[in-house]
Amino acid sequence: PFGSDGWKAAYARRVDNLVELMRSRGAEVYWVGLPRMKSSGFDGRMAIINGVVEARMTALGVPWFDTVALTSNEA
């Protein structure tokens, strides 16, 4: 199920594989996180994805750009 430990591990492997593929082709990799979402339920799910991806980018030495603060305000 989405967000379970098994799901997070599988998603992390896919992210790792994508970064490995891009690097194997000589690409310089940077990762831009997902922005704030309008629906709070959807935003919570995207926060789970951002958490997994941010952890992998840190482990892989890939620059990570968090966009949540840039796409949020009091309103």
Protein backbone atom coordinates (compact mmCIF):
# COMPACT_ATOMS: atom_id res chain seq x y z
CA PRO A 1 0.00 0.00 0.00
CA PHE A 2 1.04 3.58 -0.68
CA GLY A 3 3.26 4.95 2.07
CA SER A 4 4.04 1.59 3.68
CA ASP A 5 7.63 0.64 4.44
CA GLY A 6 7.62 -1.77 1.51
CA TRP A 7 6.27 0.88 -0.83
CA LYS A 8 8.89 3.39 0.32
CA ALA A 9 11.68 0.85 -0.24
CA ALA A 10 10.41 0.03 -3.74
CA TYR A 11 10.04 3.72 -4.62
CA ALA A 12 13.56 4.42 -3.31
CA ARG A 13 14.96 1.67 -5.55
CA ARG A 14 13.24 3.18 -8.58
CA VAL A 15 14.64 6.62 -7.76
CA ASP A 16 18.12 5.13 -7.30
CA ASN A 17 17.84 3.31 -10.63
CA LEU A 18 16.77 6.49 -12.42
CA VAL A 19 19.67 8.48 -10.98
CA GLU A 20 22.07 5.67 -11.89
CA LEU A 21 20.74 5.60 -15.47
CA MET A 22 21.08 9.36 -15.89
CA ARG A 23 24.59 9.37 -14.44
CA SER A 24 25.62 6.43 -16.65
CA ARG A 25 24.75 8.61 -19.64
CA GLY A 26 26.87 11.49 -18.37
CA ALA A 27 24.05 13.63 -17.03
CA GLU A 28 24.52 15.95 -14.08
CA VAL A 29 21.57 15.23 -11.82
CA TYR A 30 19.59 17.74 -9.75
CA TRP A 31 16.21 16.94 -8.21
CA VAL A 32 13.37 19.39 -7.72
CA GLY A 33 10.87 18.35 -5.08
CA LEU A 34 7.13 18.38 -5.52
CA PRO A 35 5.39 21.65 -4.62
CA ARG A 36 2.64 22.21 -2.07
CA MET A 37 -0.65 20.75 -3.29
CA LYS A 38 -4.05 22.40 -2.91
CA SER A 39 -5.80 19.37 -1.41
CA SER A 40 -4.50 18.56 2.08
CA GLY A 41 -4.94 14.81 1.51
CA PHE A 42 -3.03 14.89 -1.77
CA ASP A 43 -0.42 17.18 -0.23
CA GLY A 44 0.15 14.63 2.53
CA ARG A 45 0.76 11.90 -0.03
CA MET A 46 3.17 14.09 -1.97
CA ALA A 47 5.02 14.86 1.27
CA ILE A 48 5.64 11.13 1.65
CA ILE A 49 7.13 11.02 -1.85
CA ASN A 50 9.25 14.10 -1.14
CA GLY A 51 10.52 12.48 2.05
CA VAL A 52 11.63 9.33 0.25
CA VAL A 53 13.22 11.23 -2.62
CA GLU A 54 14.99 13.77 -0.41
CA ALA A 55 16.55 10.96 1.64
CA ARG A 56 17.78 9.21 -1.52
CA MET A 57 19.18 12.41 -3.01
CA THR A 58 21.11 13.03 0.19
CA ALA A 59 22.47 9.48 0.16
CA LEU A 60 23.39 9.70 -3.54
CA GLY A 61 24.96 13.16 -3.32
CA VAL A 62 22.38 14.72 -5.64
CA PRO A 63 21.41 18.35 -5.04
CA TRP A 64 17.82 18.51 -3.76
CA PHE A 65 15.64 21.59 -4.15
CA ASP A 66 12.67 21.77 -1.79
CA THR A 67 9.82 23.74 -3.38
CA VAL A 68 7.23 23.48 -0.59
CA ALA A 69 8.25 26.78 1.04
CA LEU A 70 8.25 28.48 -2.35
CA THR A 71 4.73 27.30 -3.10
CA SER A 72 3.16 28.08 0.27
CA ASN A 73 1.87 31.12 2.10
CA GLU A 74 -0.64 32.03 4.78
CA ALA A 75 -3.52 31.67 2.29
